[in-house]
Amino acid sequence: MAITPGTTWARGPLVSHERVDDIIFEDGTALQGKFIAVLTLRDGKIVDFIDFEFQSGD
């Protein structure tokens, strides 16, 4: 599995982070997904986290 980081955006306690996950299975098949994580920070620690799979309009 390889994770390619994308754009990170922060404003106050809210942070969003984009990434692409590439998974290659033992049989050679591959799977790719693009995700956007949204985090809320308090005192430098993550207190809320949610991960969304990004779907293009294709």
N, C-alpha and C. Protein backbone atom coordinates (compact mmCIF):
# COMPACT_ATOMS: atom_id res chain seq x y z
N MET A 1 0.85 -1.17 0.00
CA MET A 1 0.00 0.00 0.00
C MET A 1 0.89 1.22 0.00
N ALA A 2 0.53 2.20 -0.83
CA ALA A 2 1.24 3.47 -0.87
C ALA A 2 0.22 4.59 -0.68
N ILE A 3 0.60 5.57 0.11
CA ILE A 3 -0.26 6.73 0.35
C ILE A 3 0.46 7.95 -0.19
N THR A 4 -0.20 8.67 -1.09
CA THR A 4 0.36 9.89 -1.66
C THR A 4 -0.36 11.08 -1.07
N PRO A 5 0.34 11.90 -0.27
CA PRO A 5 -0.32 13.05 0.33
C PRO A 5 -0.67 14.10 -0.72
N GLY A 6 -1.74 14.80 -0.46
CA GLY A 6 -2.17 15.88 -1.33
C GLY A 6 -2.20 17.19 -0.56
N THR A 7 -3.20 17.97 -0.82
CA THR A 7 -3.34 19.28 -0.21
C THR A 7 -3.78 19.19 1.25
N THR A 8 -3.16 20.01 2.08
CA THR A 8 -3.58 20.15 3.48
C THR A 8 -3.99 21.59 3.69
N TRP A 9 -5.10 21.80 4.37
CA TRP A 9 -5.64 23.13 4.61
C TRP A 9 -6.03 23.22 6.07
N ALA A 10 -5.66 24.33 6.71
CA ALA A 10 -5.99 24.50 8.13
C ALA A 10 -6.50 25.91 8.37
N ARG A 11 -7.53 26.01 9.18
CA ARG A 11 -8.05 27.29 9.61
C ARG A 11 -8.57 27.10 11.02
N GLY A 12 -7.89 27.75 11.98
CA GLY A 12 -8.27 27.57 13.38
C GLY A 12 -8.12 26.12 13.77
N PRO A 13 -9.12 25.55 14.44
CA PRO A 13 -9.00 24.16 14.90
C PRO A 13 -9.38 23.12 13.83
N LEU A 14 -9.76 23.57 12.63
CA LEU A 14 -10.23 22.67 11.57
C LEU A 14 -9.12 22.43 10.56
N VAL A 15 -8.86 21.16 10.25
CA VAL A 15 -7.83 20.78 9.28
C VAL A 15 -8.45 19.81 8.29
N SER A 16 -8.17 20.00 6.99
CA SER A 16 -8.57 19.01 5.99
C SER A 16 -7.32 18.54 5.27
N HIS A 17 -7.32 17.28 4.89
CA HIS A 17 -6.15 16.70 4.24
C HIS A 17 -6.62 15.74 3.15
N GLU A 18 -6.05 15.91 1.97
CA GLU A 18 -6.39 15.08 0.81
C GLU A 18 -5.26 14.07 0.60
N ARG A 19 -5.64 12.84 0.21
CA ARG A 19 -4.64 11.81 -0.06
C ARG A 19 -5.17 10.81 -1.09
N VAL A 20 -4.25 10.09 -1.73
CA VAL A 20 -4.59 9.01 -2.65
C VAL A 20 -3.97 7.73 -2.11
N ASP A 21 -4.78 6.70 -1.94
CA ASP A 21 -4.31 5.39 -1.47
C ASP A 21 -4.23 4.45 -2.67
N ASP A 22 -3.08 3.83 -2.86
CA ASP A 22 -2.89 2.81 -3.90
C ASP A 22 -2.60 1.49 -3.21
N ILE A 23 -3.43 0.48 -3.50
CA ILE A 23 -3.27 -0.84 -2.90
C ILE A 23 -3.05 -1.85 -4.02
N ILE A 24 -1.99 -2.64 -3.91
CA ILE A 24 -1.73 -3.71 -4.87
C ILE A 24 -1.78 -5.03 -4.10
N PHE A 25 -2.68 -5.90 -4.52
CA PHE A 25 -2.88 -7.18 -3.85
C PHE A 25 -1.88 -8.21 -4.36
N GLU A 26 -1.72 -9.30 -3.61
CA GLU A 26 -0.77 -10.35 -3.98
C GLU A 26 -1.03 -10.93 -5.35
N ASP A 27 -2.30 -10.96 -5.80
CA ASP A 27 -2.60 -11.50 -7.12
C ASP A 27 -2.36 -10.50 -8.24
N GLY A 28 -1.86 -9.29 -7.91
CA GLY A 28 -1.53 -8.28 -8.91
C GLY A 28 -2.62 -7.28 -9.20
N THR A 29 -3.83 -7.52 -8.69
CA THR A 29 -4.89 -6.54 -8.91
C THR A 29 -4.61 -5.29 -8.08
N ALA A 30 -5.08 -4.16 -8.59
CA ALA A 30 -4.80 -2.88 -7.94
C ALA A 30 -6.10 -2.14 -7.65
N LEU A 31 -6.07 -1.34 -6.63
CA LEU A 31 -7.21 -0.53 -6.22
C LEU A 31 -6.68 0.85 -5.84
N GLN A 32 -7.37 1.89 -6.28
CA GLN A 32 -6.96 3.25 -5.93
C GLN A 32 -8.17 4.01 -5.42
N GLY A 33 -7.96 4.82 -4.39
CA GLY A 33 -9.03 5.65 -3.85
C GLY A 33 -8.49 7.00 -3.45
N LYS A 34 -9.32 8.02 -3.62
CA LYS A 34 -8.94 9.37 -3.21
C LYS A 34 -9.81 9.73 -2.01
N PHE A 35 -9.17 10.22 -0.95
CA PHE A 35 -9.87 10.48 0.30
C PHE A 35 -9.59 11.89 0.80
N ILE A 36 -10.54 12.44 1.51
CA ILE A 36 -10.38 13.72 2.18
C ILE A 36 -10.72 13.51 3.65
N ALA A 37 -9.77 13.82 4.51
CA ALA A 37 -9.96 13.69 5.95
C ALA A 37 -10.21 15.09 6.53
N VAL A 38 -11.13 15.17 7.47
CA VAL A 38 -11.41 16.42 8.17
C VAL A 38 -11.20 16.16 9.66
N LEU A 39 -10.33 16.97 10.27
CA LEU A 39 -9.98 16.80 11.68
C LEU A 39 -10.25 18.08 12.45
N THR A 40 -10.60 17.94 13.70
CA THR A 40 -10.71 19.07 14.61
C THR A 40 -9.66 18.89 15.70
N LEU A 41 -8.90 19.94 15.96
CA LEU A 41 -7.84 19.88 16.96
C LEU A 41 -8.23 20.69 18.20
N ARG A 42 -7.79 20.21 19.35
CA ARG A 42 -7.94 20.95 20.61
C ARG A 42 -6.68 20.67 21.43
N ASP A 43 -6.01 21.72 21.84
CA ASP A 43 -4.76 21.60 22.61
C ASP A 43 -3.74 20.73 21.89
N GLY A 44 -3.68 20.84 20.54
CA GLY A 44 -2.70 20.10 19.75
C GLY A 44 -3.03 18.63 19.55
N LYS A 45 -4.22 18.19 19.94
CA LYS A 45 -4.61 16.78 19.79
C LYS A 45 -5.87 16.69 18.93
N ILE A 46 -5.98 15.60 18.20
CA ILE A 46 -7.17 15.35 17.38
C ILE A 46 -8.32 14.95 18.29
N VAL A 47 -9.44 15.69 18.22
CA VAL A 47 -10.60 15.36 19.04
C VAL A 47 -11.77 14.85 18.18
N ASP A 48 -11.78 15.17 16.90
CA ASP A 48 -12.78 14.67 15.95
C ASP A 48 -12.09 14.33 14.65
N PHE A 49 -12.55 13.26 13.99
CA PHE A 49 -11.96 12.85 12.72
C PHE A 49 -13.03 12.18 11.87
N ILE A 50 -13.07 12.54 10.59
CA ILE A 50 -13.95 11.85 9.65
C ILE A 50 -13.23 11.79 8.32
N ASP A 51 -13.41 10.70 7.60
CA ASP A 51 -12.72 10.43 6.34
C ASP A 51 -13.77 10.23 5.26
N PHE A 52 -13.66 10.94 4.15
CA PHE A 52 -14.60 10.83 3.04
C PHE A 52 -13.88 10.32 1.81
N GLU A 53 -14.50 9.38 1.09
CA GLU A 53 -13.96 8.97 -0.20
C GLU A 53 -14.46 9.97 -1.23
N PHE A 54 -13.53 10.48 -2.03
CA PHE A 54 -13.86 11.49 -3.03
C PHE A 54 -14.31 10.79 -4.30
N GLN A 55 -15.45 11.17 -4.81
CA GLN A 55 -15.97 10.62 -6.05
C GLN A 55 -16.02 11.73 -7.09
N SER A 56 -15.35 11.54 -8.23
CA SER A 56 -15.41 12.54 -9.28
C SER A 56 -16.76 12.45 -9.98
N GLY A 57 -17.07 13.45 -10.78
CA GLY A 57 -18.35 13.49 -11.46
C GLY A 57 -18.40 12.70 -12.75
N ASP A 58 -17.44 11.78 -12.97
CA ASP A 58 -17.39 11.00 -14.21
C ASP A 58 -18.62 10.13 -14.37
